[in-house]
N, C-alpha and C. Protein backbone atom coordinates (compact mmCIF):
# COMPACT_ATOMS: atom_id res chain seq x y z
N UNK A 1 0.82 -1.21 0.00
CA UNK A 1 0.00 0.00 0.00
C UNK A 1 0.86 1.26 0.00
N UNK A 2 0.39 2.27 -0.70
CA UNK A 2 1.08 3.56 -0.74
C UNK A 2 0.31 4.55 0.11
N UNK A 3 1.02 5.33 0.91
CA UNK A 3 0.41 6.39 1.70
C UNK A 3 0.53 7.69 0.92
N UNK A 4 -0.60 8.36 0.73
CA UNK A 4 -0.63 9.62 -0.02
C UNK A 4 -1.45 10.66 0.74
N UNK A 5 -1.31 11.91 0.31
CA UNK A 5 -2.12 13.00 0.86
C UNK A 5 -2.85 13.68 -0.28
N UNK A 6 -4.09 14.05 -0.01
CA UNK A 6 -4.88 14.79 -0.98
C UNK A 6 -4.73 16.29 -0.71
N UNK A 7 -5.20 17.16 -1.62
CA UNK A 7 -5.06 18.60 -1.39
C UNK A 7 -5.69 19.09 -0.07
N UNK A 8 -6.67 18.36 0.45
CA UNK A 8 -7.24 18.75 1.75
C UNK A 8 -6.42 18.19 2.91
N UNK A 9 -5.22 17.68 2.59
CA UNK A 9 -4.22 17.15 3.53
C UNK A 9 -4.67 15.90 4.28
N UNK A 10 -5.64 15.20 3.73
CA UNK A 10 -6.06 13.93 4.32
C UNK A 10 -5.07 12.84 3.90
N UNK A 11 -4.77 11.94 4.83
CA UNK A 11 -3.85 10.85 4.53
C UNK A 11 -4.65 9.61 4.17
N UNK A 12 -4.30 9.02 3.02
CA UNK A 12 -4.99 7.84 2.51
C UNK A 12 -4.01 6.71 2.26
N UNK A 13 -4.53 5.50 2.31
CA UNK A 13 -3.75 4.31 1.98
C UNK A 13 -4.31 3.74 0.69
N UNK A 14 -3.45 3.57 -0.31
CA UNK A 14 -3.88 3.06 -1.61
C UNK A 14 -3.10 1.77 -1.91
N UNK A 15 -3.79 0.62 -1.84
CA UNK A 15 -3.11 -0.64 -2.16
C UNK A 15 -3.05 -0.87 -3.67
N UNK A 16 -1.85 -1.17 -4.16
CA UNK A 16 -1.65 -1.39 -5.59
C UNK A 16 -1.21 -2.83 -5.80
N UNK A 17 -1.90 -3.51 -6.71
CA UNK A 17 -1.52 -4.88 -7.08
C UNK A 17 -1.03 -4.86 -8.52
N UNK A 18 0.17 -5.37 -8.73
CA UNK A 18 0.79 -5.33 -10.05
C UNK A 18 1.41 -6.69 -10.35
N UNK A 19 1.09 -7.22 -11.52
CA UNK A 19 1.67 -8.50 -11.95
C UNK A 19 2.42 -8.27 -13.25
N UNK A 20 3.64 -8.72 -13.29
CA UNK A 20 4.46 -8.58 -14.49
C UNK A 20 5.37 -9.80 -14.61
N UNK A 21 5.95 -9.96 -15.79
CA UNK A 21 6.92 -11.03 -16.00
C UNK A 21 7.95 -10.58 -17.03
N UNK A 22 9.14 -11.19 -17.01
CA UNK A 22 10.16 -10.80 -17.99
C UNK A 22 9.68 -11.09 -19.41
N UNK A 23 10.03 -10.21 -20.32
CA UNK A 23 9.66 -10.37 -21.72
C UNK A 23 10.64 -11.33 -22.39
N UNK A 24 10.28 -12.61 -22.38
CA UNK A 24 11.17 -13.65 -22.92
C UNK A 24 11.11 -13.73 -24.44
N UNK A 25 10.14 -13.05 -25.06
CA UNK A 25 9.98 -13.13 -26.51
C UNK A 25 10.99 -12.27 -27.26
N UNK A 26 11.62 -11.35 -26.55
CA UNK A 26 12.54 -10.42 -27.21
C UNK A 26 13.89 -10.46 -26.50
N UNK A 27 14.95 -10.89 -27.19
CA UNK A 27 16.28 -10.92 -26.57
C UNK A 27 16.73 -9.54 -26.07
N UNK A 28 16.37 -8.48 -26.83
CA UNK A 28 16.76 -7.13 -26.41
C UNK A 28 16.09 -6.78 -25.08
N UNK A 29 14.81 -7.11 -24.98
CA UNK A 29 14.08 -6.79 -23.75
C UNK A 29 14.58 -7.63 -22.57
N UNK A 30 14.96 -8.84 -22.83
CA UNK A 30 15.50 -9.69 -21.77
C UNK A 30 16.82 -9.11 -21.25
N UNK A 31 17.61 -8.56 -22.15
CA UNK A 31 18.86 -7.91 -21.75
C UNK A 31 18.54 -6.68 -20.90
N UNK A 32 17.52 -5.89 -21.30
CA UNK A 32 17.10 -4.72 -20.52
C UNK A 32 16.63 -5.15 -19.12
N UNK A 33 15.92 -6.28 -19.06
CA UNK A 33 15.47 -6.81 -17.78
C UNK A 33 16.67 -7.08 -16.87
N UNK A 34 17.69 -7.74 -17.41
CA UNK A 34 18.89 -8.03 -16.63
C UNK A 34 19.65 -6.76 -16.27
N UNK A 35 19.72 -5.82 -17.23
CA UNK A 35 20.39 -4.55 -16.97
C UNK A 35 19.67 -3.71 -15.91
N UNK A 36 18.38 -3.94 -15.78
CA UNK A 36 17.59 -3.21 -14.78
C UNK A 36 17.72 -3.83 -13.39
N UNK A 37 18.46 -4.91 -13.29
CA UNK A 37 18.69 -5.53 -11.98
C UNK A 37 17.87 -6.79 -11.75
N UNK A 38 17.32 -7.36 -12.83
CA UNK A 38 16.55 -8.59 -12.67
C UNK A 38 15.27 -8.34 -11.88
N UNK A 39 14.80 -9.38 -11.23
CA UNK A 39 13.53 -9.31 -10.51
C UNK A 39 13.56 -8.21 -9.45
N UNK A 40 14.55 -8.20 -8.61
CA UNK A 40 14.61 -7.22 -7.52
C UNK A 40 14.78 -5.79 -8.05
N UNK A 41 15.62 -5.62 -9.05
CA UNK A 41 15.83 -4.29 -9.61
C UNK A 41 14.56 -3.73 -10.24
N UNK A 42 13.89 -4.56 -11.05
CA UNK A 42 12.66 -4.11 -11.70
C UNK A 42 11.59 -3.85 -10.66
N UNK A 43 11.50 -4.71 -9.65
CA UNK A 43 10.51 -4.52 -8.58
C UNK A 43 10.74 -3.17 -7.90
N UNK A 44 11.97 -2.86 -7.57
CA UNK A 44 12.29 -1.57 -6.92
C UNK A 44 11.96 -0.38 -7.82
N UNK A 45 12.29 -0.50 -9.09
CA UNK A 45 12.02 0.59 -10.03
C UNK A 45 10.52 0.84 -10.13
N UNK A 46 9.76 -0.24 -10.29
CA UNK A 46 8.30 -0.09 -10.41
C UNK A 46 7.71 0.46 -9.12
N UNK A 47 8.18 -0.02 -7.97
CA UNK A 47 7.67 0.50 -6.69
C UNK A 47 7.93 2.00 -6.58
N UNK A 48 9.11 2.44 -7.01
CA UNK A 48 9.43 3.87 -6.97
C UNK A 48 8.53 4.67 -7.90
N UNK A 49 8.31 4.15 -9.10
CA UNK A 49 7.45 4.84 -10.07
C UNK A 49 6.03 4.95 -9.52
N UNK A 50 5.51 3.84 -9.00
CA UNK A 50 4.14 3.82 -8.47
C UNK A 50 4.01 4.78 -7.29
N UNK A 51 4.95 4.72 -6.36
CA UNK A 51 4.87 5.58 -5.17
C UNK A 51 4.92 7.06 -5.58
N UNK A 52 5.86 7.41 -6.44
CA UNK A 52 6.02 8.80 -6.85
C UNK A 52 4.80 9.29 -7.62
N UNK A 53 4.32 8.49 -8.55
CA UNK A 53 3.19 8.92 -9.39
C UNK A 53 1.90 9.02 -8.59
N UNK A 54 1.67 8.06 -7.68
CA UNK A 54 0.46 8.12 -6.84
C UNK A 54 0.48 9.34 -5.94
N UNK A 55 1.62 9.61 -5.33
CA UNK A 55 1.72 10.80 -4.47
C UNK A 55 1.47 12.07 -5.28
N UNK A 56 2.06 12.14 -6.45
CA UNK A 56 1.86 13.30 -7.31
C UNK A 56 0.42 13.46 -7.75
N UNK A 57 -0.21 12.35 -8.12
CA UNK A 57 -1.61 12.39 -8.55
C UNK A 57 -2.51 12.81 -7.40
N UNK A 58 -2.31 12.25 -6.22
CA UNK A 58 -3.20 12.51 -5.09
C UNK A 58 -3.15 13.96 -4.64
N UNK A 59 -1.98 14.58 -4.65
CA UNK A 59 -1.85 15.94 -4.13
C UNK A 59 -2.06 16.99 -5.21
N UNK A 60 -2.01 16.60 -6.47
CA UNK A 60 -2.13 17.56 -7.57
C UNK A 60 -3.49 18.25 -7.53
N UNK A 61 -3.48 19.56 -7.62
CA UNK A 61 -4.74 20.29 -7.57
C UNK A 61 -5.39 20.41 -8.93
N UNK A 62 -4.69 20.03 -9.99
CA UNK A 62 -5.29 20.13 -11.32
C UNK A 62 -5.77 18.79 -11.85
N UNK A 63 -5.00 17.73 -11.70
CA UNK A 63 -5.40 16.46 -12.29
C UNK A 63 -5.96 15.45 -11.29
N UNK A 64 -5.59 15.57 -10.05
CA UNK A 64 -5.99 14.58 -9.05
C UNK A 64 -7.28 14.93 -8.35
N UNK A 65 -7.67 14.10 -7.39
CA UNK A 65 -8.89 14.38 -6.62
C UNK A 65 -8.67 15.60 -5.73
N UNK A 66 -9.70 16.38 -5.52
CA UNK A 66 -9.56 17.59 -4.71
C UNK A 66 -9.76 17.32 -3.23
N UNK A 67 -10.45 16.22 -2.91
CA UNK A 67 -10.71 15.87 -1.52
C UNK A 67 -10.47 14.39 -1.33
N UNK A 68 -10.39 13.97 -0.05
CA UNK A 68 -10.19 12.55 0.21
C UNK A 68 -11.42 11.76 -0.23
N UNK A 69 -12.62 12.35 -0.12
CA UNK A 69 -13.83 11.64 -0.57
C UNK A 69 -13.79 11.41 -2.07
N UNK A 70 -13.30 12.40 -2.82
CA UNK A 70 -13.19 12.24 -4.27
C UNK A 70 -12.17 11.16 -4.61
N UNK A 71 -11.11 11.06 -3.82
CA UNK A 71 -10.08 10.05 -4.08
C UNK A 71 -10.63 8.64 -3.90
N UNK A 72 -11.56 8.47 -2.97
CA UNK A 72 -12.13 7.14 -2.74
C UNK A 72 -12.83 6.62 -3.99
N UNK A 73 -13.36 7.51 -4.79
CA UNK A 73 -14.07 7.09 -6.00
C UNK A 73 -13.26 7.23 -7.27
N UNK A 74 -11.98 7.48 -7.17
CA UNK A 74 -11.17 7.75 -8.36
C UNK A 74 -10.21 6.61 -8.69
N UNK A 75 -10.56 5.38 -8.34
CA UNK A 75 -9.67 4.24 -8.59
C UNK A 75 -9.37 4.07 -10.07
N UNK A 76 -10.39 4.18 -10.92
CA UNK A 76 -10.18 3.98 -12.36
C UNK A 76 -9.17 4.99 -12.91
N UNK A 77 -9.32 6.23 -12.49
CA UNK A 77 -8.40 7.27 -12.94
C UNK A 77 -6.97 6.98 -12.46
N UNK A 78 -6.84 6.57 -11.21
CA UNK A 78 -5.51 6.28 -10.66
C UNK A 78 -4.87 5.10 -11.39
N UNK A 79 -5.64 4.07 -11.69
CA UNK A 79 -5.10 2.92 -12.43
C UNK A 79 -4.60 3.36 -13.80
N UNK A 80 -5.42 4.15 -14.51
CA UNK A 80 -5.02 4.63 -15.84
C UNK A 80 -3.72 5.42 -15.76
N UNK A 81 -3.64 6.31 -14.79
CA UNK A 81 -2.44 7.15 -14.65
C UNK A 81 -1.21 6.29 -14.36
N UNK A 82 -1.35 5.31 -13.50
CA UNK A 82 -0.20 4.44 -13.18
C UNK A 82 0.24 3.63 -14.39
N UNK A 83 -0.72 3.04 -15.09
CA UNK A 83 -0.38 2.22 -16.26
C UNK A 83 0.34 3.08 -17.30
N UNK A 84 -0.19 4.27 -17.53
CA UNK A 84 0.42 5.14 -18.53
C UNK A 84 1.80 5.64 -18.09
N UNK A 85 1.98 5.86 -16.79
CA UNK A 85 3.29 6.31 -16.29
C UNK A 85 4.32 5.19 -16.44
N UNK A 86 3.94 3.98 -16.09
CA UNK A 86 4.88 2.85 -16.17
C UNK A 86 5.20 2.53 -17.63
N UNK A 87 4.16 2.53 -18.48
CA UNK A 87 4.38 2.16 -19.88
C UNK A 87 5.00 3.30 -20.69
N UNK A 88 4.83 4.53 -20.23
CA UNK A 88 5.39 5.67 -20.95
C UNK A 88 4.55 6.08 -22.15
N UNK A 89 3.32 5.59 -22.23
CA UNK A 89 2.46 5.97 -23.35
C UNK A 89 0.99 5.99 -22.92
N UNK A 90 0.20 6.73 -23.67
CA UNK A 90 -1.23 6.74 -23.42
C UNK A 90 -1.83 5.51 -24.07
N UNK A 91 -2.66 4.82 -23.33
CA UNK A 91 -3.25 3.58 -23.83
C UNK A 91 -4.75 3.73 -24.02
N UNK A 92 -5.31 3.03 -25.01
CA UNK A 92 -6.76 3.08 -25.19
C UNK A 92 -7.47 2.39 -24.01
N UNK A 93 -8.69 2.79 -23.74
CA UNK A 93 -9.45 2.21 -22.61
C UNK A 93 -9.53 0.68 -22.64
N UNK A 94 -9.58 0.11 -23.83
CA UNK A 94 -9.67 -1.36 -23.94
C UNK A 94 -8.42 -2.03 -23.38
N UNK A 95 -7.25 -1.47 -23.68
CA UNK A 95 -6.00 -2.04 -23.16
C UNK A 95 -5.92 -1.89 -21.65
N UNK A 96 -6.36 -0.75 -21.15
CA UNK A 96 -6.36 -0.53 -19.70
C UNK A 96 -7.31 -1.51 -19.03
N UNK A 97 -8.47 -1.74 -19.64
CA UNK A 97 -9.43 -2.70 -19.09
C UNK A 97 -8.84 -4.11 -19.08
N UNK A 98 -8.11 -4.48 -20.14
CA UNK A 98 -7.46 -5.80 -20.19
C UNK A 98 -6.44 -5.94 -19.05
N UNK A 99 -5.67 -4.90 -18.83
CA UNK A 99 -4.66 -4.94 -17.76
C UNK A 99 -5.34 -5.04 -16.41
N UNK A 100 -6.43 -4.33 -16.22
CA UNK A 100 -7.16 -4.40 -14.94
C UNK A 100 -7.71 -5.80 -14.70
N UNK A 101 -8.11 -6.49 -15.77
CA UNK A 101 -8.66 -7.85 -15.64
C UNK A 101 -7.57 -8.91 -15.50
N UNK A 102 -6.33 -8.53 -15.72
CA UNK A 102 -5.25 -9.51 -15.65
C UNK A 102 -4.93 -10.13 -16.99
N UNK A 103 -5.48 -9.57 -18.07
CA UNK A 103 -5.25 -10.10 -19.42
C UNK A 103 -4.35 -9.19 -20.23
N UNK A 104 -3.60 -8.33 -19.55
CA UNK A 104 -2.77 -7.36 -20.26
C UNK A 104 -1.52 -7.98 -20.85
N UNK A 105 -1.09 -7.37 -21.92
CA UNK A 105 0.15 -7.77 -22.58
C UNK A 105 0.97 -6.52 -22.89
N UNK A 106 1.01 -5.60 -21.93
CA UNK A 106 1.69 -4.32 -22.15
C UNK A 106 3.19 -4.46 -21.95
N UNK A 107 3.91 -4.40 -23.04
CA UNK A 107 5.37 -4.51 -22.97
C UNK A 107 5.96 -3.19 -22.49
N UNK A 108 6.96 -3.33 -21.62
CA UNK A 108 7.71 -2.18 -21.12
C UNK A 108 9.18 -2.45 -21.50
N UNK A 109 9.56 -2.08 -22.73
CA UNK A 109 10.91 -2.39 -23.21
C UNK A 109 12.02 -1.83 -22.34
N UNK A 110 11.81 -0.67 -21.73
CA UNK A 110 12.87 -0.06 -20.93
C UNK A 110 13.20 -0.89 -19.69
N UNK A 111 12.27 -1.74 -19.25
CA UNK A 111 12.52 -2.62 -18.11
C UNK A 111 12.61 -4.08 -18.52
N UNK A 112 12.27 -4.37 -19.79
CA UNK A 112 12.32 -5.74 -20.28
C UNK A 112 11.24 -6.63 -19.70
N UNK A 113 10.07 -6.05 -19.43
CA UNK A 113 8.98 -6.83 -18.84
C UNK A 113 7.69 -6.64 -19.62
N UNK A 114 6.71 -7.46 -19.25
CA UNK A 114 5.34 -7.35 -19.75
C UNK A 114 4.43 -7.23 -18.53
N UNK A 115 3.59 -6.21 -18.53
CA UNK A 115 2.63 -6.05 -17.43
C UNK A 115 1.35 -6.76 -17.83
N UNK A 116 0.91 -7.68 -16.98
CA UNK A 116 -0.34 -8.38 -17.27
C UNK A 116 -1.49 -7.87 -16.42
N UNK A 117 -1.20 -7.27 -15.27
CA UNK A 117 -2.27 -6.83 -14.38
C UNK A 117 -1.81 -5.66 -13.52
N UNK A 118 -2.70 -4.68 -13.37
CA UNK A 118 -2.48 -3.60 -12.43
C UNK A 118 -3.85 -3.18 -11.91
N UNK A 119 -4.01 -3.21 -10.63
CA UNK A 119 -5.27 -2.83 -10.00
C UNK A 119 -5.00 -2.08 -8.71
N UNK A 120 -6.00 -1.33 -8.31
CA UNK A 120 -5.96 -0.65 -7.02
C UNK A 120 -7.09 -1.22 -6.18
N UNK A 121 -6.74 -1.59 -4.95
CA UNK A 121 -7.76 -2.11 -4.03
C UNK A 121 -8.55 -0.97 -3.42
N UNK A 122 -9.17 -1.24 -2.30
CA UNK A 122 -10.00 -0.25 -1.64
C UNK A 122 -9.13 0.85 -1.03
N UNK A 123 -9.39 2.07 -1.46
CA UNK A 123 -8.67 3.23 -0.92
C UNK A 123 -9.28 3.55 0.44
N UNK A 124 -8.41 3.69 1.46
CA UNK A 124 -8.90 3.88 2.82
C UNK A 124 -8.27 5.11 3.46
N UNK A 125 -9.08 5.86 4.22
CA UNK A 125 -8.50 6.94 5.01
C UNK A 125 -7.68 6.35 6.15
N UNK A 126 -6.69 7.12 6.62
CA UNK A 126 -5.81 6.64 7.69
C UNK A 126 -5.94 7.51 8.93
N UNK A 127 -5.55 6.96 10.05
CA UNK A 127 -5.43 7.69 11.31
C UNK A 127 -6.72 8.30 11.80
N UNK A 128 -6.61 9.55 12.27
CA UNK A 128 -7.77 10.26 12.82
C UNK A 128 -8.88 10.42 11.80
N UNK A 129 -8.50 10.59 10.54
CA UNK A 129 -9.49 10.73 9.48
C UNK A 129 -10.34 9.47 9.37
N UNK A 130 -9.71 8.30 9.46
CA UNK A 130 -10.44 7.05 9.39
C UNK A 130 -11.45 6.95 10.53
N UNK A 131 -11.02 7.34 11.74
CA UNK A 131 -11.91 7.31 12.90
C UNK A 131 -13.07 8.26 12.70
N UNK A 132 -12.78 9.47 12.25
CA UNK A 132 -13.83 10.48 12.03
C UNK A 132 -14.78 10.04 10.93
N UNK A 133 -14.26 9.47 9.86
CA UNK A 133 -15.11 9.02 8.75
C UNK A 133 -16.03 7.90 9.21
N UNK A 134 -15.50 6.99 10.01
CA UNK A 134 -16.30 5.88 10.52
C UNK A 134 -17.42 6.40 11.41
N UNK A 135 -17.12 7.36 12.27
CA UNK A 135 -18.14 7.95 13.14
C UNK A 135 -19.21 8.65 12.30
N UNK A 136 -18.78 9.34 11.27
CA UNK A 136 -19.74 10.04 10.41
C UNK A 136 -20.68 9.04 9.73
N UNK A 137 -20.13 7.94 9.23
CA UNK A 137 -20.95 6.92 8.58
C UNK A 137 -21.95 6.34 9.57
N UNK A 138 -21.50 6.03 10.79
CA UNK A 138 -22.40 5.49 11.81
C UNK A 138 -23.52 6.47 12.14
N UNK A 139 -23.18 7.75 12.28
CA UNK A 139 -24.19 8.76 12.58
C UNK A 139 -25.21 8.87 11.45
N UNK A 140 -24.75 8.83 10.20
CA UNK A 140 -25.66 8.90 9.06
C UNK A 140 -26.57 7.69 9.03
N UNK A 141 -26.04 6.51 9.34
CA UNK A 141 -26.86 5.30 9.38
C UNK A 141 -27.91 5.40 10.49
N UNK A 142 -27.50 5.91 11.64
CA UNK A 142 -28.45 6.07 12.74
C UNK A 142 -29.55 7.05 12.36
N UNK A 143 -29.18 8.15 11.71
CA UNK A 143 -30.18 9.14 11.28
C UNK A 143 -31.16 8.51 10.29
N UNK A 144 -30.62 7.75 9.33
CA UNK A 144 -31.51 7.08 8.36
C UNK A 144 -32.42 6.09 9.06
N UNK A 145 -31.87 5.39 10.06
CA UNK A 145 -32.68 4.44 10.83
C UNK A 145 -33.79 5.14 11.59
N UNK A 146 -33.47 6.30 12.18
CA UNK A 146 -34.48 7.06 12.91
C UNK A 146 -35.57 7.57 11.97
N UNK A 147 -35.19 8.06 10.81
CA UNK A 147 -36.16 8.53 9.82
C UNK A 147 -37.05 7.37 9.40
N UNK A 148 -36.46 6.21 9.14
CA UNK A 148 -37.22 5.03 8.74
C UNK A 148 -38.21 4.64 9.84
N UNK A 149 -37.76 4.71 11.07
CA UNK A 149 -38.60 4.36 12.21
C UNK A 149 -39.80 5.30 12.31
N UNK A 150 -39.56 6.60 12.15
CA UNK A 150 -40.65 7.58 12.20
C UNK A 150 -41.60 7.36 11.03
N UNK A 151 -41.06 7.11 9.83
CA UNK A 151 -41.91 6.86 8.67
C UNK A 151 -42.77 5.62 8.89
N UNK A 152 -42.21 4.59 9.50
CA UNK A 152 -42.96 3.37 9.80
C UNK A 152 -44.06 3.65 10.80
N UNK A 153 -43.75 4.41 11.85
CA UNK A 153 -44.76 4.76 12.85
C UNK A 153 -45.88 5.58 12.22
N UNK A 154 -45.54 6.50 11.33
CA UNK A 154 -46.54 7.31 10.66
C UNK A 154 -47.43 6.44 9.77
N UNK A 155 -46.83 5.47 9.08
CA UNK A 155 -47.59 4.56 8.24
C UNK A 155 -48.56 3.73 9.10
N UNK A 156 -48.11 3.28 10.26
CA UNK A 156 -48.97 2.53 11.18
C UNK A 156 -50.13 3.41 11.64
N UNK A 157 -49.83 4.69 11.95
CA UNK A 157 -50.87 5.61 12.40
C UNK A 157 -51.91 5.81 11.31
N UNK A 158 -51.47 5.95 10.07
CA UNK A 158 -52.42 6.12 8.96
C UNK A 158 -53.28 4.87 8.78
N UNK A 159 -52.69 3.69 8.96
CA UNK A 159 -53.47 2.45 8.87
C UNK A 159 -54.49 2.38 9.99
N UNK A 160 -54.11 2.85 11.18
CA UNK A 160 -55.02 2.87 12.31
C UNK A 160 -56.19 3.83 12.06
N UNK A 161 -55.91 4.98 11.45
CA UNK A 161 -56.96 5.93 11.09
C UNK A 161 -57.92 5.29 10.10
N UNK A 162 -57.39 4.62 9.10
CA UNK A 162 -58.23 3.95 8.09
C UNK A 162 -59.06 2.84 8.72
N UNK A 163 -58.48 2.08 9.64
CA UNK A 163 -59.22 1.01 10.32
C UNK A 163 -60.35 1.60 11.16
N UNK A 164 -60.09 2.73 11.83
CA UNK A 164 -61.12 3.39 12.64
C UNK A 164 -62.23 3.91 11.73
N UNK A 165 -61.85 4.49 10.59
CA UNK A 165 -62.83 5.01 9.64
C UNK A 165 -63.71 3.89 9.12
N UNK A 166 -63.12 2.70 8.85
CA UNK A 166 -63.88 1.56 8.35
C UNK A 166 -64.92 1.11 9.37
N UNK A 167 -64.68 1.35 10.66
CA UNK A 167 -65.62 0.99 11.72
C UNK A 167 -66.59 2.13 12.04
N UNK A 168 -66.45 3.23 11.30
CA UNK A 168 -67.34 4.36 11.52
C UNK A 168 -66.88 5.28 12.63
N UNK A 169 -65.64 5.12 13.09
CA UNK A 169 -65.11 5.97 14.15
C UNK A 169 -64.22 7.04 13.54
N UNK A 170 -64.05 8.10 14.27
CA UNK A 170 -63.18 9.18 13.81
C UNK A 170 -61.94 9.21 14.71
N UNK A 171 -60.81 9.12 14.04
CA UNK A 171 -59.53 9.15 14.76
C UNK A 171 -58.58 9.99 13.93
N UNK A 172 -57.98 11.00 14.55
CA UNK A 172 -57.04 11.86 13.82
C UNK A 172 -55.69 11.13 13.69
N UNK A 173 -54.93 11.55 12.71
CA UNK A 173 -53.58 10.98 12.52
C UNK A 173 -52.76 11.26 13.77
N UNK A 174 -52.94 12.45 14.32
CA UNK A 174 -52.19 12.82 15.52
C UNK A 174 -52.55 11.89 16.69
N UNK A 175 -53.86 11.62 16.86
CA UNK A 175 -54.29 10.69 17.91
C UNK A 175 -53.79 9.29 17.67
N UNK A 176 -53.83 8.86 16.41
CA UNK A 176 -53.35 7.52 16.08
C UNK A 176 -51.85 7.41 16.31
N UNK A 177 -51.13 8.47 15.97
CA UNK A 177 -49.68 8.48 16.18
C UNK A 177 -49.37 8.37 17.68
N UNK A 178 -50.17 9.05 18.48
CA UNK A 178 -49.96 9.00 19.95
C UNK A 178 -50.22 7.59 20.46
N UNK A 179 -51.23 6.92 19.91
CA UNK A 179 -51.52 5.53 20.31
C UNK A 179 -50.36 4.63 19.93
N UNK A 180 -49.84 4.82 18.72
CA UNK A 180 -48.69 4.00 18.25
C UNK A 180 -47.49 4.22 19.14
N UNK A 181 -47.24 5.46 19.52
CA UNK A 181 -46.06 5.76 20.34
C UNK A 181 -46.20 5.16 21.75
N UNK A 182 -47.43 5.08 22.25
CA UNK A 182 -47.63 4.51 23.59
C UNK A 182 -47.45 3.00 23.51
């Protein structure tokens, strides 16, 4: 996971999953793979690229999300930016979709590899922000539950009024609501 900050200075954790393999189909690319330090060297290079690009994207006020809430919904954009940064070229949406599904065949000649998959997991707020966000979600759920409860009680009161009317009695919604509450 990469730790980043958004322009509102919120700290987020962004897990990145990347699958690649050496490009064995091209002797030149295989040499580049070895020149890049083999498995460990390429892994370090890619980790540096991903970390730097994600941090830049998250804090950028022009291209990145403006708030931490916007970042939570910007996974597709972040994946596209990472794939294009690593590959060094703009890719059509179909190729990006293939890479996200794990069916990618994006050659990276400068590293001598082929990227088959790149995805971002669930973006999560960190620290105090995570605690505050969780409390906010709980409060919103409680409010929705309270509204639902009141709406249900009101519906019961209306049914009680209709039942009283069917018997020839007069009962106000307010009176029925008071009966329901008791």
